[in-house]
PDB file of N, CA and C in Angstrom:
ATOM      1  N   UNK A   1     -12.411 -36.840  17.137  1.00  0.00           N
ATOM      2  CA  UNK A   1     -13.067 -35.838  17.267  1.00  0.00           C
ATOM      3  C   UNK A   1     -12.366 -34.725  17.464  1.00  0.00           C
ATOM      4  N   UNK A   2     -11.017 -34.635  18.528  1.00  0.00           N
ATOM      5  CA  UNK A   2     -10.118 -33.631  18.361  1.00  0.00           C
ATOM      6  C   UNK A   2      -9.501 -33.198  17.390  1.00  0.00           C
ATOM      7  N   UNK A   3      -8.988 -34.148  16.491  1.00  0.00           N
ATOM      8  CA  UNK A   3      -8.459 -33.807  15.279  1.00  0.00           C
ATOM      9  C   UNK A   3      -9.405 -33.106  14.262  1.00  0.00           C
ATOM     10  N   UNK A   4     -10.691 -33.329  14.227  1.00  0.00           N
ATOM     11  CA  UNK A   4     -11.648 -32.659  13.412  1.00  0.00           C
ATOM     12  C   UNK A   4     -11.704 -31.198  13.798  1.00  0.00           C
ATOM     13  N   UNK A   5     -11.777 -31.034  15.271  1.00  0.00           N
ATOM     14  CA  UNK A   5     -11.941 -29.651  15.677  1.00  0.00           C
ATOM     15  C   UNK A   5     -10.820 -28.894  15.436  1.00  0.00           C
ATOM     16  N   UNK A   6      -9.429 -29.801  15.723  1.00  0.00           N
ATOM     17  CA  UNK A   6      -8.517 -28.641  15.270  1.00  0.00           C
ATOM     18  C   UNK A   6      -8.260 -28.179  13.900  1.00  0.00           C
ATOM     19  N   UNK A   7      -8.764 -29.224  12.981  1.00  0.00           N
ATOM     20  CA  UNK A   7      -8.757 -28.919  11.675  1.00  0.00           C
ATOM     21  C   UNK A   7      -9.619 -27.580  11.248  1.00  0.00           C
ATOM     22  N   UNK A   8     -10.732 -27.890  11.816  1.00  0.00           N
ATOM     23  CA  UNK A   8     -11.798 -26.775  11.668  1.00  0.00           C
ATOM     24  C   UNK A   8     -11.218 -25.266  12.389  1.00  0.00           C
ATOM     25  N   UNK A   9     -10.663 -25.487  13.390  1.00  0.00           N
ATOM     26  CA  UNK A   9     -10.117 -24.236  14.123  1.00  0.00           C
ATOM     27  C   UNK A   9      -9.091 -23.560  13.125  1.00  0.00           C
ATOM     28  N   UNK A  10      -8.242 -24.478  12.631  1.00  0.00           N
ATOM     29  CA  UNK A  10      -7.008 -24.007  11.916  1.00  0.00           C
ATOM     30  C   UNK A  10      -7.795 -23.362  10.484  1.00  0.00           C
ATOM     31  N   UNK A  11      -8.806 -24.044   9.779  1.00  0.00           N
ATOM     32  CA  UNK A  11      -9.334 -23.420   8.510  1.00  0.00           C
ATOM     33  C   UNK A  11      -9.981 -22.152   8.991  1.00  0.00           C
ATOM     34  N   UNK A  12     -10.480 -21.932  10.003  1.00  0.00           N
ATOM     35  CA  UNK A  12     -11.184 -20.771  10.627  1.00  0.00           C
ATOM     36  C   UNK A  12     -10.231 -19.656  10.550  1.00  0.00           C
ATOM     37  N   UNK A  13      -9.119 -20.002  11.350  1.00  0.00           N
ATOM     38  CA  UNK A  13      -8.052 -18.944  11.544  1.00  0.00           C
ATOM     39  C   UNK A  13      -7.361 -18.381  10.289  1.00  0.00           C
ATOM     40  N   UNK A  14      -7.512 -19.364   9.197  1.00  0.00           N
ATOM     41  CA  UNK A  14      -7.059 -18.971   7.647  1.00  0.00           C
ATOM     42  C   UNK A  14      -7.854 -18.123   6.983  1.00  0.00           C
ATOM     43  N   UNK A  15      -9.046 -18.377   7.120  1.00  0.00           N
ATOM     44  CA  UNK A  15     -10.348 -17.597   6.549  1.00  0.00           C
ATOM     45  C   UNK A  15     -10.270 -16.156   7.159  1.00  0.00           C
ATOM     46  N   UNK A  16     -10.189 -16.084   8.349  1.00  0.00           N
ATOM     47  CA  UNK A  16     -10.341 -14.748   9.035  1.00  0.00           C
ATOM     48  C   UNK A  16      -9.119 -13.968   8.700  1.00  0.00           C
ATOM     49  N   UNK A  17      -8.076 -14.541   8.977  1.00  0.00           N
ATOM     50  CA  UNK A  17      -6.695 -13.790   8.673  1.00  0.00           C
ATOM     51  C   UNK A  17      -6.555 -13.305   7.266  1.00  0.00           C
ATOM     52  N   UNK A  18      -7.181 -14.207   6.215  1.00  0.00           N
ATOM     53  CA  UNK A  18      -7.016 -13.775   4.873  1.00  0.00           C
ATOM     54  C   UNK A  18      -8.008 -12.534   4.528  1.00  0.00           C
ATOM     55  N   UNK A  19      -9.277 -12.739   5.305  1.00  0.00           N
ATOM     56  CA  UNK A  19     -10.320 -11.748   4.950  1.00  0.00           C
ATOM     57  C   UNK A  19      -9.693 -10.297   5.567  1.00  0.00           C
ATOM     58  N   UNK A  20      -8.969 -10.375   6.874  1.00  0.00           N
ATOM     59  CA  UNK A  20      -8.601  -8.899   7.317  1.00  0.00           C
ATOM     60  C   UNK A  20      -7.348  -8.599   6.562  1.00  0.00           C
ATOM     61  N   UNK A  21      -6.706  -9.219   6.065  1.00  0.00           N
ATOM     62  CA  UNK A  21      -5.417  -8.717   5.345  1.00  0.00           C
ATOM     63  C   UNK A  21      -5.762  -7.939   4.229  1.00  0.00           C
ATOM     64  N   UNK A  22      -4.854  -6.709   4.212  1.00  0.00           N
ATOM     65  CA  UNK A  22      -4.909  -5.636   3.173  1.00  0.00           C
ATOM     66  C   UNK A  22      -6.242  -5.255   2.837  1.00  0.00           C
ATOM     67  N   UNK A  23      -6.647  -4.380   3.930  1.00  0.00           N
ATOM     68  CA  UNK A  23      -8.232  -3.891   3.854  1.00  0.00           C
ATOM     69  C   UNK A  23      -8.400  -2.748   2.939  1.00  0.00           C
ATOM     70  N   UNK A  24      -7.401  -2.258   2.124  1.00  0.00           N
ATOM     71  CA  UNK A  24      -7.653  -1.329   1.162  1.00  0.00           C
ATOM     72  C   UNK A  24      -6.835  -1.631  -0.006  1.00  0.00           C
ATOM     73  N   UNK A  25      -7.506  -1.110  -1.160  1.00  0.00           N
ATOM     74  CA  UNK A  25      -6.744  -1.235  -2.412  1.00  0.00           C
ATOM     75  C   UNK A  25      -5.713  -0.008  -2.573  1.00  0.00           C
ATOM     76  N   UNK A  26      -4.461  -0.342  -2.724  1.00  0.00           N
ATOM     77  CA  UNK A  26      -3.391   0.644  -2.838  1.00  0.00           C
ATOM     78  C   UNK A  26      -3.018   1.195  -4.339  1.00  0.00           C
ATOM     79  N   UNK A  27      -3.886   0.601  -5.182  1.00  0.00           N
ATOM     80  CA  UNK A  27      -3.286   1.008  -6.587  1.00  0.00           C
ATOM     81  C   UNK A  27      -3.535   2.289  -6.625  1.00  0.00           C
ATOM     82  N   UNK A  28      -2.812   2.893  -7.611  1.00  0.00           N
ATOM     83  CA  UNK A  28      -2.862   4.356  -7.925  1.00  0.00           C
ATOM     84  C   UNK A  28      -1.316   5.016  -7.960  1.00  0.00           C
ATOM     85  N   UNK A  29      -1.655   6.348  -8.259  1.00  0.00           N
ATOM     86  CA  UNK A  29      -0.507   7.080  -8.395  1.00  0.00           C
ATOM     87  C   UNK A  29      -0.281   7.977  -7.117  1.00  0.00           C
ATOM     88  N   UNK A  30       1.017   8.122  -6.606  1.00  0.00           N
ATOM     89  CA  UNK A  30       1.295   8.772  -5.403  1.00  0.00           C
ATOM     90  C   UNK A  30       2.376   9.842  -5.947  1.00  0.00           C
ATOM     91  N   UNK A  31       2.586  10.961  -4.786  1.00  0.00           N
ATOM     92  CA  UNK A  31       3.571  11.838  -4.957  1.00  0.00           C
ATOM     93  C   UNK A  31       4.565  11.602  -3.815  1.00  0.00           C
ATOM     94  N   UNK A  32       5.884  11.767  -3.858  1.00  0.00           N
ATOM     95  CA  UNK A  32       6.848  11.415  -2.872  1.00  0.00           C
ATOM     96  C   UNK A  32       6.752  13.038  -2.320  1.00  0.00           C
ATOM     97  N   UNK A  33       6.482  12.922  -0.970  1.00  0.00           N
ATOM     98  CA  UNK A  33       6.473  14.081  -0.188  1.00  0.00           C
ATOM     99  C   UNK A  33       7.640  14.591   0.756  1.00  0.00           C
ATOM    100  N   UNK A  34       8.132  13.335   1.287  1.00  0.00           N
ATOM    101  CA  UNK A  34       9.347  13.526   2.344  1.00  0.00           C
ATOM    102  C   UNK A  34      10.530  12.397   1.984  1.00  0.00           C
ATOM    103  N   UNK A  35      11.519  12.804   2.042  1.00  0.00           N
ATOM    104  CA  UNK A  35      12.760  11.915   2.134  1.00  0.00           C
ATOM    105  C   UNK A  35      12.626  11.051   0.867  1.00  0.00           C
ATOM    106  N   UNK A  36      12.498  11.728  -0.112  1.00  0.00           N
ATOM    107  CA  UNK A  36      12.456  11.275  -1.405  1.00  0.00           C
ATOM    108  C   UNK A  36      13.902  10.646  -2.130  1.00  0.00           C
ATOM    109  N   UNK A  37      13.973   9.749  -2.845  1.00  0.00           N
ATOM    110  CA  UNK A  37      15.483   9.260  -3.628  1.00  0.00           C
ATOM    111  C   UNK A  37      15.684  10.528  -4.256  1.00  0.00           C
ATOM    112  N   UNK A  38      17.090  10.707  -4.489  1.00  0.00           N
ATOM    113  CA  UNK A  38      17.621  11.577  -5.397  1.00  0.00           C
ATOM    114  C   UNK A  38      16.997  13.109  -5.347  1.00  0.00           C
ATOM    115  N   UNK A  39      16.464  13.269  -4.113  1.00  0.00           N
ATOM    116  CA  UNK A  39      15.834  14.817  -3.850  1.00  0.00           C
ATOM    117  C   UNK A  39      14.488  14.671  -4.987  1.00  0.00           C
ATOM    118  N   UNK A  40      13.763  13.860  -5.383  1.00  0.00           N
ATOM    119  CA  UNK A  40      12.829  14.035  -6.353  1.00  0.00           C
ATOM    120  C   UNK A  40      11.650  14.233  -5.416  1.00  0.00           C
ATOM    121  N   UNK A  41      11.480  15.343  -4.675  1.00  0.00           N
ATOM    122  CA  UNK A  41      10.320  15.927  -3.880  1.00  0.00           C
ATOM    123  C   UNK A  41       9.226  16.021  -5.111  1.00  0.00           C
ATOM    124  N   UNK A  42       7.966  15.218  -4.934  1.00  0.00           N
ATOM    125  CA  UNK A  42       6.898  15.616  -5.856  1.00  0.00           C
ATOM    126  C   UNK A  42       6.819  14.756  -6.976  1.00  0.00           C
ATOM    127  N   UNK A  43       7.987  14.134  -6.937  1.00  0.00           N
ATOM    128  CA  UNK A  43       7.988  12.930  -8.100  1.00  0.00           C
ATOM    129  C   UNK A  43       7.001  11.849  -8.031  1.00  0.00           C
ATOM    130  N   UNK A  44       6.550  11.328  -9.210  1.00  0.00           N
ATOM    131  CA  UNK A  44       5.556  10.445  -9.102  1.00  0.00           C
ATOM    132  C   UNK A  44       5.845   9.175  -8.714  1.00  0.00           C
ATOM    133  N   UNK A  45       5.215   8.231  -7.949  1.00  0.00           N
ATOM    134  CA  UNK A  45       5.394   6.749  -7.664  1.00  0.00           C
ATOM    135  C   UNK A  45       4.018   5.956  -7.905  1.00  0.00           C
ATOM    136  N   UNK A  46       4.186   4.750  -8.384  1.00  0.00           N
ATOM    137  CA  UNK A  46       3.115   4.101  -8.551  1.00  0.00           C
ATOM    138  C   UNK A  46       2.954   2.709  -8.112  1.00  0.00           C
ATOM    139  N   UNK A  47       1.609   2.516  -7.535  1.00  0.00           N
ATOM    140  CA  UNK A  47       1.391   0.952  -7.044  1.00  0.00           C
ATOM    141  C   UNK A  47       0.462   0.226  -7.874  1.00  0.00           C
ATOM    142  N   UNK A  48       0.782  -1.015  -8.231  1.00  0.00           N
ATOM    143  CA  UNK A  48      -0.547  -1.704  -8.990  1.00  0.00           C
ATOM    144  C   UNK A  48      -0.523  -2.969  -8.057  1.00  0.00           C
ATOM    145  N   UNK A  49      -1.748  -3.196  -7.401  1.00  0.00           N
ATOM    146  CA  UNK A  49      -2.146  -4.151  -6.531  1.00  0.00           C
ATOM    147  C   UNK A  49      -2.980  -5.289  -7.323  1.00  0.00           C
ATOM    148  N   UNK A  50      -2.568  -6.581  -7.178  1.00  0.00           N
ATOM    149  CA  UNK A  50      -3.251  -7.643  -7.653  1.00  0.00           C
ATOM    150  C   UNK A  50      -3.584  -8.766  -6.451  1.00  0.00           C
ATOM    151  N   UNK A  51      -4.668  -8.532  -5.941  1.00  0.00           N
ATOM    152  CA  UNK A  51      -4.795  -9.298  -4.704  1.00  0.00           C
ATOM    153  C   UNK A  51      -4.146  -8.889  -3.679  1.00  0.00           C
ATOM    154  N   UNK A  52      -3.324  -9.823  -2.692  1.00  0.00           N
ATOM    155  CA  UNK A  52      -2.466  -9.197  -1.791  1.00  0.00           C
ATOM    156  C   UNK A  52      -0.977  -8.903  -2.288  1.00  0.00           C
ATOM    157  N   UNK A  53      -0.821  -9.140  -3.593  1.00  0.00           N
ATOM    158  CA  UNK A  53       0.587  -8.759  -3.970  1.00  0.00           C
ATOM    159  C   UNK A  53       0.567  -7.278  -4.772  1.00  0.00           C
ATOM    160  N   UNK A  54       1.601  -6.600  -4.574  1.00  0.00           N
ATOM    161  CA  UNK A  54       1.673  -5.383  -4.957  1.00  0.00           C
ATOM    162  C   UNK A  54       3.180  -5.063  -5.707  1.00  0.00           C
ATOM    163  N   UNK A  55       2.941  -4.465  -7.042  1.00  0.00           N
ATOM    164  CA  UNK A  55       4.120  -3.727  -7.566  1.00  0.00           C
ATOM    165  C   UNK A  55       4.284  -2.470  -7.492  1.00  0.00           C
ATOM    166  N   UNK A  56       5.511  -2.082  -7.006  1.00  0.00           N
ATOM    167  CA  UNK A  56       5.888  -0.601  -6.738  1.00  0.00           C
ATOM    168  C   UNK A  56       6.823  -0.073  -7.716  1.00  0.00           C
ATOM    169  N   UNK A  57       6.672   1.060  -7.968  1.00  0.00           N
ATOM    170  CA  UNK A  57       7.768   1.935  -8.738  1.00  0.00           C
ATOM    171  C   UNK A  57       7.998   3.178  -8.144  1.00  0.00           C
ATOM    172  N   UNK A  58       9.033   3.340  -7.618  1.00  0.00           N
ATOM    173  CA  UNK A  58       9.318   4.629  -6.606  1.00  0.00           C
ATOM    174  C   UNK A  58       9.582   5.877  -7.703  1.00  0.00           C
ATOM    175  N   UNK A  59       9.732   6.932  -6.983  1.00  0.00           N
ATOM    176  CA  UNK A  59       9.874   8.229  -7.743  1.00  0.00           C
ATOM    177  C   UNK A  59      11.431   8.041  -8.698  1.00  0.00           C
ATOM    178  N   UNK A  60      12.367   7.252  -8.448  1.00  0.00           N
ATOM    179  CA  UNK A  60      13.502   7.379  -9.037  1.00  0.00           C
ATOM    180  C   UNK A  60      13.205   6.277 -10.253  1.00  0.00           C
ATOM    181  N   UNK A  61      12.072   5.641 -10.172  1.00  0.00           N
ATOM    182  CA  UNK A  61      12.020   4.537 -11.240  1.00  0.00           C
ATOM    183  C   UNK A  61      12.427   2.982 -10.857  1.00  0.00           C
ATOM    184  N   UNK A  62      12.548   2.826  -9.530  1.00  0.00           N
ATOM    185  CA  UNK A  62      13.198   1.680  -9.273  1.00  0.00           C
ATOM    186  C   UNK A  62      11.947   0.830  -8.810  1.00  0.00           C
ATOM    187  N   UNK A  63      11.759  -0.322  -9.494  1.00  0.00           N
ATOM    188  CA  UNK A  63      10.648  -1.226  -9.368  1.00  0.00           C
ATOM    189  C   UNK A  63      10.877  -2.270  -8.107  1.00  0.00           C
ATOM    190  N   UNK A  64       9.894  -2.768  -7.463  1.00  0.00           N
ATOM    191  CA  UNK A  64       9.904  -3.816  -6.537  1.00  0.00           C
ATOM    192  C   UNK A  64       8.554  -4.519  -6.485  1.00  0.00           C
ATOM    193  N   UNK A  65       8.600  -5.603  -5.691  1.00  0.00           N
ATOM    194  CA  UNK A  65       7.261  -6.301  -5.418  1.00  0.00           C
ATOM    195  C   UNK A  65       7.194  -6.153  -3.686  1.00  0.00           C
ATOM    196  N   UNK A  66       5.894  -6.151  -3.435  1.00  0.00           N
ATOM    197  CA  UNK A  66       5.618  -6.063  -2.006  1.00  0.00           C
ATOM    198  C   UNK A  66       4.347  -6.905  -1.793  1.00  0.00           C
ATOM    199  N   UNK A  67       4.164  -7.236  -0.362  1.00  0.00           N
ATOM    200  CA  UNK A  67       2.841  -7.930  -0.242  1.00  0.00           C
ATOM    201  C   UNK A  67       2.715  -7.647   1.397  1.00  0.00           C
ATOM    202  N   UNK A  68       1.615  -7.926   2.087  1.00  0.00           N
ATOM    203  CA  UNK A  68       1.272  -7.610   3.257  1.00  0.00           C
ATOM    204  C   UNK A  68       2.319  -8.321   4.073  1.00  0.00           C
ATOM    205  N   UNK A  69       2.697  -7.269   5.151  1.00  0.00           N
ATOM    206  CA  UNK A  69       3.493  -7.634   6.230  1.00  0.00           C
ATOM    207  C   UNK A  69       3.272  -8.803   7.127  1.00  0.00           C
ATOM    208  N   UNK A  70       3.916  -9.873   7.430  1.00  0.00           N
ATOM    209  CA  UNK A  70       3.430 -11.009   8.028  1.00  0.00           C
ATOM    210  C   UNK A  70       2.879 -10.699   9.548  1.00  0.00           C
ATOM    211  N   UNK A  71       3.429  -9.755  10.249  1.00  0.00           N
ATOM    212  CA  UNK A  71       2.939  -9.438  11.395  1.00  0.00           C
ATOM    213  C   UNK A  71       1.795  -8.401  11.643  1.00  0.00           C
ATOM    214  N   UNK A  72       1.508  -7.686  10.649  1.00  0.00           N
ATOM    215  CA  UNK A  72       0.548  -6.614  10.563  1.00  0.00           C
ATOM    216  C   UNK A  72      -0.151  -6.582   9.316  1.00  0.00           C
ATOM    217  N   UNK A  73      -0.786  -7.544   8.676  1.00  0.00           N
ATOM    218  CA  UNK A  73      -1.061  -7.708   7.250  1.00  0.00           C
ATOM    219  C   UNK A  73      -2.245  -6.496   6.905  1.00  0.00           C
ATOM    220  N   UNK A  74      -2.905  -6.233   7.714  1.00  0.00           N
ATOM    221  CA  UNK A  74      -4.073  -5.173   7.495  1.00  0.00           C
ATOM    222  C   UNK A  74      -3.566  -3.685   7.540  1.00  0.00           C
ATOM    223  N   UNK A  75      -2.269  -3.349   8.036  1.00  0.00           N
ATOM    224  CA  UNK A  75      -1.764  -2.147   8.061  1.00  0.00           C
ATOM    225  C   UNK A  75      -0.132  -1.622   7.618  1.00  0.00           C
ATOM    226  N   UNK A  76       0.261  -2.964   7.130  1.00  0.00           N
ATOM    227  CA  UNK A  76       1.820  -2.722   6.741  1.00  0.00           C
ATOM    228  C   UNK A  76       2.055  -3.640   5.548  1.00  0.00           C
ATOM    229  N   UNK A  77       3.036  -3.208   4.671  1.00  0.00           N
ATOM    230  CA  UNK A  77       3.494  -3.952   3.546  1.00  0.00           C
ATOM    231  C   UNK A  77       4.802  -4.271   3.778  1.00  0.00           C
ATOM    232  N   UNK A  78       5.499  -5.195   3.074  1.00  0.00           N
ATOM    233  CA  UNK A  78       7.011  -5.469   3.104  1.00  0.00           C
ATOM    234  C   UNK A  78       7.211  -5.361   1.545  1.00  0.00           C
ATOM    235  N   UNK A  79       8.336  -4.560   1.358  1.00  0.00           N
ATOM    236  CA  UNK A  79       9.034  -4.409   0.084  1.00  0.00           C
ATOM    237  C   UNK A  79      10.318  -5.133   0.053  1.00  0.00           C
ATOM    238  N   UNK A  80      10.276  -6.042  -0.732  1.00  0.00           N
ATOM    239  CA  UNK A  80      11.535  -7.106  -0.704  1.00  0.00           C
ATOM    240  C   UNK A  80      12.892  -6.576  -1.259  1.00  0.00           C
ATOM    241  N   UNK A  81      12.679  -5.834  -2.481  1.00  0.00           N
ATOM    242  CA  UNK A  81      13.843  -5.434  -3.030  1.00  0.00           C
ATOM    243  C   UNK A  81      14.581  -4.328  -2.227  1.00  0.00           C
ATOM    244  N   UNK A  82      13.713  -3.443  -1.471  1.00  0.00           N
ATOM    245  CA  UNK A  82      14.254  -2.226  -0.910  1.00  0.00           C
ATOM    246  C   UNK A  82      14.543  -2.816   0.595  1.00  0.00           C
ATOM    247  N   UNK A  83      14.266  -3.998   0.914  1.00  0.00           N
ATOM    248  CA  UNK A  83      14.380  -4.637   2.363  1.00  0.00           C
ATOM    249  C   UNK A  83      13.873  -3.661   3.559  1.00  0.00           C
ATOM    250  N   UNK A  84      12.693  -3.275   3.321  1.00  0.00           N
ATOM    251  CA  UNK A  84      11.935  -2.364   4.322  1.00  0.00           C
ATOM    252  C   UNK A  84      10.618  -2.462   4.355  1.00  0.00           C
ATOM    253  N   UNK A  85       9.806  -2.187   5.446  1.00  0.00           N
ATOM    254  CA  UNK A  85       8.322  -2.044   5.350  1.00  0.00           C
ATOM    255  C   UNK A  85       7.951  -0.713   5.184  1.00  0.00           C
ATOM    256  N   UNK A  86       6.546  -0.761   5.111  1.00  0.00           N
ATOM    257  CA  UNK A  86       5.884   0.510   5.128  1.00  0.00           C
ATOM    258  C   UNK A  86       4.568   0.615   5.709  1.00  0.00           C
ATOM    259  N   UNK A  87       4.125   1.244   6.365  1.00  0.00           N
ATOM    260  CA  UNK A  87       2.641   1.424   6.914  1.00  0.00           C
ATOM    261  C   UNK A  87       1.856   2.394   6.261  1.00  0.00           C
ATOM    262  N   UNK A  88       0.593   2.038   5.853  1.00  0.00           N
ATOM    263  CA  UNK A  88      -0.296   2.777   5.266  1.00  0.00           C
ATOM    264  C   UNK A  88      -1.550   3.183   5.901  1.00  0.00           C
ATOM    265  N   UNK A  89      -2.176   4.428   5.482  1.00  0.00           N
ATOM    266  CA  UNK A  89      -3.286   4.833   6.483  1.00  0.00           C
ATOM    267  C   UNK A  89      -4.526   4.138   6.235  1.00  0.00           C
ATOM    268  N   UNK A  90      -5.426   4.016   6.999  1.00  0.00           N
ATOM    269  CA  UNK A  90      -6.782   3.072   6.879  1.00  0.00           C
ATOM    270  C   UNK A  90      -7.477   3.423   5.343  1.00  0.00           C
ATOM    271  N   UNK A  91      -7.259   4.740   4.993  1.00  0.00           N
ATOM    272  CA  UNK A  91      -7.812   5.127   3.654  1.00  0.00           C
ATOM    273  C   UNK A  91      -6.823   4.890   2.382  1.00  0.00           C
ATOM    274  N   UNK A  92      -5.803   4.673   2.706  1.00  0.00           N
ATOM    275  CA  UNK A  92      -4.903   4.265   1.490  1.00  0.00           C
ATOM    276  C   UNK A  92      -4.258   5.539   0.837  1.00  0.00           C
ATOM    277  N   UNK A  93      -4.351   6.753   1.578  1.00  0.00           N
ATOM    278  CA  UNK A  93      -3.986   7.857   0.972  1.00  0.00           C
ATOM    279  C   UNK A  93      -2.477   8.327   1.424  1.00  0.00           C
ATOM    280  N   UNK A  94      -1.781   7.754   2.378  1.00  0.00           N
ATOM    281  CA  UNK A  94      -0.569   7.961   2.859  1.00  0.00           C
ATOM    282  C   UNK A  94       0.222   6.523   3.075  1.00  0.00           C
ATOM    283  N   UNK A  95       1.490   6.544   2.531  1.00  0.00           N
ATOM    284  CA  UNK A  95       2.128   5.489   2.935  1.00  0.00           C
ATOM    285  C   UNK A  95       3.620   6.011   3.348  1.00  0.00           C
ATOM    286  N   UNK A  96       4.047   5.451   4.629  1.00  0.00           N
ATOM    287  CA  UNK A  96       5.078   5.913   5.372  1.00  0.00           C
ATOM    288  C   UNK A  96       6.171   4.597   5.204  1.00  0.00           C
ATOM    289  N   UNK A  97       7.368   4.578   4.592  1.00  0.00           N
ATOM    290  CA  UNK A  97       8.193   3.687   4.661  1.00  0.00           C
ATOM    291  C   UNK A  97       8.987   3.840   6.053  1.00  0.00           C
ATOM    292  N   UNK A  98       9.753   2.749   6.387  1.00  0.00           N
ATOM    293  CA  UNK A  98      10.409   2.645   7.380  1.00  0.00           C
ATOM    294  C   UNK A  98      11.656   3.899   7.207  1.00  0.00           C
ATOM    295  N   UNK A  99      12.379   3.899   6.053  1.00  0.00           N
ATOM    296  CA  UNK A  99      13.371   4.910   5.859  1.00  0.00           C
ATOM    297  C   UNK A  99      13.034   6.279   6.071  1.00  0.00           C
ATOM    298  N   UNK A 100      11.858   6.564   6.401  1.00  0.00           N
ATOM    299  CA  UNK A 100      11.244   7.828   6.582  1.00  0.00           C
ATOM    300  C   UNK A 100      10.473   8.521   5.277  1.00  0.00           C
ATOM    301  N   UNK A 101      10.802   7.876   4.307  1.00  0.00           N
ATOM    302  CA  UNK A 101       9.984   8.466   2.853  1.00  0.00           C
ATOM    303  C   UNK A 101       8.454   8.514   3.054  1.00  0.00           C
ATOM    304  N   UNK A 102       7.697   9.388   2.491  1.00  0.00           N
ATOM    305  CA  UNK A 102       6.327   9.332   2.664  1.00  0.00           C
ATOM    306  C   UNK A 102       5.739   9.515   1.084  1.00  0.00           C
ATOM    307  N   UNK A 103       4.856   8.689   0.900  1.00  0.00           N
ATOM    308  CA  UNK A 103       4.066   9.086  -0.330  1.00  0.00           C
ATOM    309  C   UNK A 103       2.553   9.368  -0.224  1.00  0.00           C
ATOM    310  N   UNK A 104       2.004  10.394  -0.741  1.00  0.00           N
ATOM    311  CA  UNK A 104       0.666  10.665  -0.797  1.00  0.00           C
ATOM    312  C   UNK A 104       0.047  10.590  -2.065  1.00  0.00           C
ATOM    313  N   UNK A 105      -1.348   9.893  -1.793  1.00  0.00           N
ATOM    314  CA  UNK A 105      -1.845   9.531  -3.201  1.00  0.00           C
ATOM    315  C   UNK A 105      -2.216  10.874  -3.993  1.00  0.00           C
ATOM    316  N   UNK A 106      -1.865  10.747  -5.163  1.00  0.00           N
ATOM    317  CA  UNK A 106      -2.013  11.847  -6.133  1.00  0.00           C
ATOM    318  C   UNK A 106      -3.519  11.780  -6.985  1.00  0.00           C
ATOM    319  N   UNK A 107      -4.344  12.781  -6.355  1.00  0.00           N
ATOM    320  CA  UNK A 107      -5.588  12.577  -6.838  1.00  0.00           C
ATOM    321  C   UNK A 107      -5.922  13.364  -8.269  1.00  0.00           C
ATOM    322  N   UNK A 108      -4.696  14.191  -8.608  1.00  0.00           N
ATOM    323  CA  UNK A 108      -4.779  14.878  -9.929  1.00  0.00           C
ATOM    324  C   UNK A 108      -5.299  16.340  -9.602  1.00  0.00           C
ATOM    325  N   UNK A 109      -5.259  17.149 -10.488  1.00  0.00           N
ATOM    326  CA  UNK A 109      -5.703  18.645 -10.271  1.00  0.00           C
ATOM    327  C   UNK A 109      -7.161  18.644  -9.737  1.00  0.00           C
ATOM    328  N   UNK A 110      -7.416  19.773  -8.863  1.00  0.00           N
ATOM    329  CA  UNK A 110      -8.786  20.077  -8.648  1.00  0.00           C
ATOM    330  C   UNK A 110      -9.735  20.136  -9.725  1.00  0.00           C
ATOM    331  N   UNK A 111     -11.089  20.044  -9.779  1.00  0.00           N
ATOM    332  CA  UNK A 111     -11.803  20.171 -10.979  1.00  0.00           C
ATOM    333  C   UNK A 111     -11.872  21.764 -11.234  1.00  0.00           C
ATOM    334  N   UNK A 112     -12.141  22.256 -12.314  1.00  0.00           N
ATOM    335  CA  UNK A 112     -12.408  23.572 -12.638  1.00  0.00           C
ATOM    336  C   UNK A 112     -13.611  23.993 -12.058  1.00  0.00           C
ATOM    337  N   UNK A 113     -13.914  25.434 -11.717  1.00  0.00           N
ATOM    338  CA  UNK A 113     -15.040  25.813 -11.127  1.00  0.00           C
ATOM    339  C   UNK A 113     -16.309  25.931 -12.244  1.00  0.00           C
ATOM    340  N   UNK A 114     -17.453  25.725 -12.149  1.00  0.00           N
ATOM    341  CA  UNK A 114     -18.471  25.892 -13.190  1.00  0.00           C
ATOM    342  C   UNK A 114     -18.574  26.944 -13.947  1.00  0.00           C
ATOM    343  N   UNK A 115     -18.912  26.990 -15.127  1.00  0.00           N
ATOM    344  CA  UNK A 115     -18.805  28.160 -15.976  1.00  0.00           C
ATOM    345  C   UNK A 115     -20.262  28.848 -15.505  1.00  0.00           C
ATOM    346  N   UNK A 116     -20.034  30.158 -15.533  1.00  0.00           N
ATOM    347  CA  UNK A 116     -21.332  30.964 -15.111  1.00  0.00           C
ATOM    348  C   UNK A 116     -22.100  31.244 -16.747  1.00  0.00           C
ATOM    349  N   UNK A 117     -23.265  31.122 -16.679  1.00  0.00           N
ATOM    350  CA  UNK A 117     -24.134  31.541 -17.871  1.00  0.00           C
ATOM    351  C   UNK A 117     -24.333  33.150 -17.736  1.00  0.00           C
ATOM    352  N   UNK A 118     -24.266  33.558 -18.859  1.00  0.00           N
ATOM    353  CA  UNK A 118     -24.873  34.909 -18.928  1.00  0.00           C
ATOM    354  C   UNK A 118     -26.189  35.067 -19.284  1.00  0.00           C
TER     355      UNK A 118
END
């Protein structure tokens, strides 16, 4: 009976931790706004997310793979090739890397104002 209880508790922990991991979809285009590589402030960076796995392309064109950080999967990612982590805002609009680099989501230009009819 203890064995069954232990197995059920372990399964519950796995389900709960997987459900809480990566609470926001980070797929999109970002702009580097601080401490950018090669001084490319305003340069475009891209993230493509497939489940918990992420593909990143920084403002200098360096690709890497990332995944939720083991210790804080709902708020941090680990970028393997860059050997650093990053924290992201709850809405996914800002990503701050351990090196100090900051990316902000690029939503494109604002819509043009409506035309007035004469």
